[in-house]
């Protein structure tokens, strides 16, 4: 096994130096593989020796690339799979719409903020469409109730 092989990791990660915590995590994966009988004692000792040295992500990934990706504590995605995508941000206008819909006297502002939030969510891909919709619906309902009560008197 070549410690410099770059199996399963995107180029942007492969050449970065791994941290001591990441090396320890890889050692835990190797321990699990050895305990499960997936590595011989010699393979285990050789890989542990390599894992204790400062390595790049690619070199560290090569130490576990032939092991099942589902081993407990595996620090890397399975070969050929990109890392999980970063979570999309929550749209602040959607949150503001919901909050304003629950405050007395601001139902129209809640509807306006909800409309703005929906536009931003479509444009940017943010999370929060349901919050914006809820803010618009609650704000609209409270606004309608307010108008009916004012017109009755």
Protein backbone atom coordinates (compact mmCIF):
# COMPACT_ATOMS: atom_id res chain seq x y z
CA UNK A 1 0.00 0.00 0.00
CA UNK A 2 1.42 3.34 -1.00
CA UNK A 3 0.94 5.98 1.72
CA UNK A 4 0.91 8.66 -0.97
CA UNK A 5 -1.98 7.24 -2.98
CA UNK A 6 -5.01 9.53 -3.13
CA UNK A 7 -7.91 7.12 -3.26
CA UNK A 8 -11.41 8.42 -2.66
CA UNK A 9 -10.64 12.01 -1.70
CA UNK A 10 -11.16 15.13 -3.79
CA UNK A 11 -7.96 16.91 -4.83
CA UNK A 12 -8.56 19.86 -2.55
CA UNK A 13 -8.27 17.63 0.53
CA UNK A 14 -5.68 15.13 -0.57
CA UNK A 15 -2.58 17.24 -0.02
CA UNK A 16 -3.64 18.92 3.23
CA UNK A 17 -1.83 17.78 6.36
CA UNK A 18 -4.00 15.76 8.74
CA UNK A 19 -4.26 16.60 12.43
CA UNK A 20 -3.26 14.38 15.35
CA UNK A 21 -6.96 13.88 16.17
CA UNK A 22 -7.62 12.64 12.63
CA UNK A 23 -4.69 10.22 12.86
CA UNK A 24 -6.07 8.94 16.18
CA UNK A 25 -9.45 8.47 14.54
CA UNK A 26 -7.85 6.43 11.74
CA UNK A 27 -6.08 4.32 14.36
CA UNK A 28 -9.47 3.62 15.96
CA UNK A 29 -10.78 2.43 12.58
CA UNK A 30 -7.73 0.17 12.19
CA UNK A 31 -8.27 -1.23 15.70
CA UNK A 32 -11.89 -2.04 14.83
CA UNK A 33 -10.83 -3.70 11.57
CA UNK A 34 -8.20 -5.78 13.38
CA UNK A 35 -10.69 -6.80 16.09
CA UNK A 36 -13.17 -7.81 13.35
CA UNK A 37 -10.49 -9.98 11.69
CA UNK A 38 -10.20 -7.80 8.59
CA UNK A 39 -6.47 -7.19 9.11
CA UNK A 40 -3.68 -9.57 10.03
CA UNK A 41 -1.50 -8.67 12.99
CA UNK A 42 1.33 -7.66 10.65
CA UNK A 43 -0.96 -5.47 8.49
CA UNK A 44 -2.36 -3.86 11.62
CA UNK A 45 1.08 -3.10 13.07
CA UNK A 46 2.38 -1.74 9.75
CA UNK A 47 -0.61 0.56 9.29
CA UNK A 48 -0.53 1.78 12.90
CA UNK A 49 3.16 2.62 12.45
CA UNK A 50 2.34 4.67 9.37
CA UNK A 51 -0.66 6.35 11.02
CA UNK A 52 1.50 7.65 13.85
CA UNK A 53 3.57 9.76 11.46
CA UNK A 54 2.43 13.16 10.14
CA UNK A 55 0.45 12.36 6.99
CA UNK A 56 -1.67 14.14 4.42
CA UNK A 57 -5.36 13.32 4.12
CA UNK A 58 -4.61 11.22 1.02
CA UNK A 59 -1.93 9.22 2.83
CA UNK A 60 -4.21 8.74 5.83
CA UNK A 61 -7.12 7.65 3.63
CA UNK A 62 -4.91 5.09 1.90
CA UNK A 63 -4.44 3.30 5.25
CA UNK A 64 -8.15 2.42 5.39
CA UNK A 65 -9.17 2.53 1.71
CA UNK A 66 -9.44 -1.28 1.42
CA UNK A 67 -11.64 -1.55 4.51
CA UNK A 68 -15.44 -1.29 4.48
CA UNK A 69 -16.57 2.32 4.60
CA UNK A 70 -19.16 1.56 7.26
CA UNK A 71 -16.67 0.69 10.00
CA UNK A 72 -17.51 2.58 13.21
CA UNK A 73 -15.61 5.84 13.38
CA UNK A 74 -14.51 5.86 9.75
CA UNK A 75 -13.16 9.39 9.16
CA UNK A 76 -13.55 9.37 5.39
CA UNK A 77 -16.41 8.83 2.95
CA UNK A 78 -16.35 5.59 0.94
CA UNK A 79 -14.00 5.72 -2.08
CA UNK A 80 -15.59 7.47 -5.02
CA UNK A 81 -18.07 9.39 -2.86
CA UNK A 82 -17.63 13.12 -2.18
CA UNK A 83 -17.83 14.45 1.38
CA UNK A 84 -21.35 15.32 2.50
CA UNK A 85 -22.51 18.76 1.38
CA UNK A 86 -22.41 21.60 3.85
CA UNK A 87 -25.76 22.48 5.36
CA UNK A 88 -27.58 25.29 3.58
CA UNK A 89 -28.06 28.44 5.67
CA UNK A 90 -31.43 29.28 7.20
CA UNK A 91 -32.96 32.39 5.67
CA UNK A 92 -33.19 35.13 8.30
CA UNK A 93 -36.12 36.86 6.59
CA UNK A 94 -38.16 33.66 6.92
CA UNK A 95 -37.48 33.59 10.66
CA UNK A 96 -38.33 37.29 10.94
CA UNK A 97 -41.60 36.68 9.07
CA UNK A 98 -42.66 33.99 11.52
CA UNK A 99 -41.68 36.09 14.54
CA UNK A 100 -43.53 39.16 13.24
CA UNK A 101 -46.62 37.07 12.55
CA UNK A 102 -46.81 36.20 16.24
CA UNK A 103 -46.35 39.77 17.49
CA UNK A 104 -49.46 41.94 17.85
CA UNK A 105 -49.78 44.72 15.30
CA UNK A 106 -47.26 43.35 12.76
CA UNK A 107 -49.23 40.93 10.56
CA UNK A 108 -48.71 42.91 7.36
CA UNK A 109 -44.98 43.12 8.00
CA UNK A 110 -44.96 39.32 8.46
CA UNK A 111 -46.58 38.85 5.04
CA UNK A 112 -44.13 41.26 3.40
CA UNK A 113 -41.09 39.61 5.02
CA UNK A 114 -42.41 36.18 4.01
CA UNK A 115 -42.67 37.25 0.37
CA UNK A 116 -39.13 38.67 0.45
CA UNK A 117 -37.88 35.46 2.12
CA UNK A 118 -39.41 33.26 -0.59
CA UNK A 119 -37.65 35.30 -3.27
CA UNK A 120 -34.31 35.01 -1.46
CA UNK A 121 -34.77 31.29 -0.86
CA UNK A 122 -35.39 30.65 -4.56
CA UNK A 123 -32.44 32.82 -5.53
CA UNK A 124 -29.89 31.56 -2.98
CA UNK A 125 -31.11 28.06 -2.18
CA UNK A 126 -31.45 28.79 1.55
CA UNK A 127 -33.58 26.74 3.91
CA UNK A 128 -36.73 28.22 5.49
CA UNK A 129 -39.46 28.15 2.84
CA UNK A 130 -41.91 26.58 5.30
CA UNK A 131 -41.09 29.18 7.94
CA UNK A 132 -41.74 31.96 5.44
CA UNK A 133 -45.01 30.36 4.36
CA UNK A 134 -46.10 29.92 7.98
CA UNK A 135 -45.24 33.57 8.73
CA UNK A 136 -47.25 34.74 5.72
CA UNK A 137 -50.26 32.56 6.57
CA UNK A 138 -50.35 33.43 10.27
CA UNK A 139 -49.75 37.11 9.53
CA UNK A 140 -52.44 37.10 6.87
CA UNK A 141 -54.90 35.35 9.17
CA UNK A 142 -54.27 37.77 12.05
CA UNK A 143 -54.49 40.71 9.62
CA UNK A 144 -57.83 39.44 8.32
CA UNK A 145 -59.16 38.94 11.86
CA UNK A 146 -58.02 42.47 12.76
CA UNK A 147 -59.76 43.97 9.73
CA UNK A 148 -63.00 42.08 10.46
CA UNK A 149 -62.97 43.23 14.10
CA UNK A 150 -62.31 46.87 13.13
CA UNK A 151 -65.09 46.87 10.53
CA UNK A 152 -67.61 45.37 12.95
CA UNK A 153 -67.29 48.28 15.35
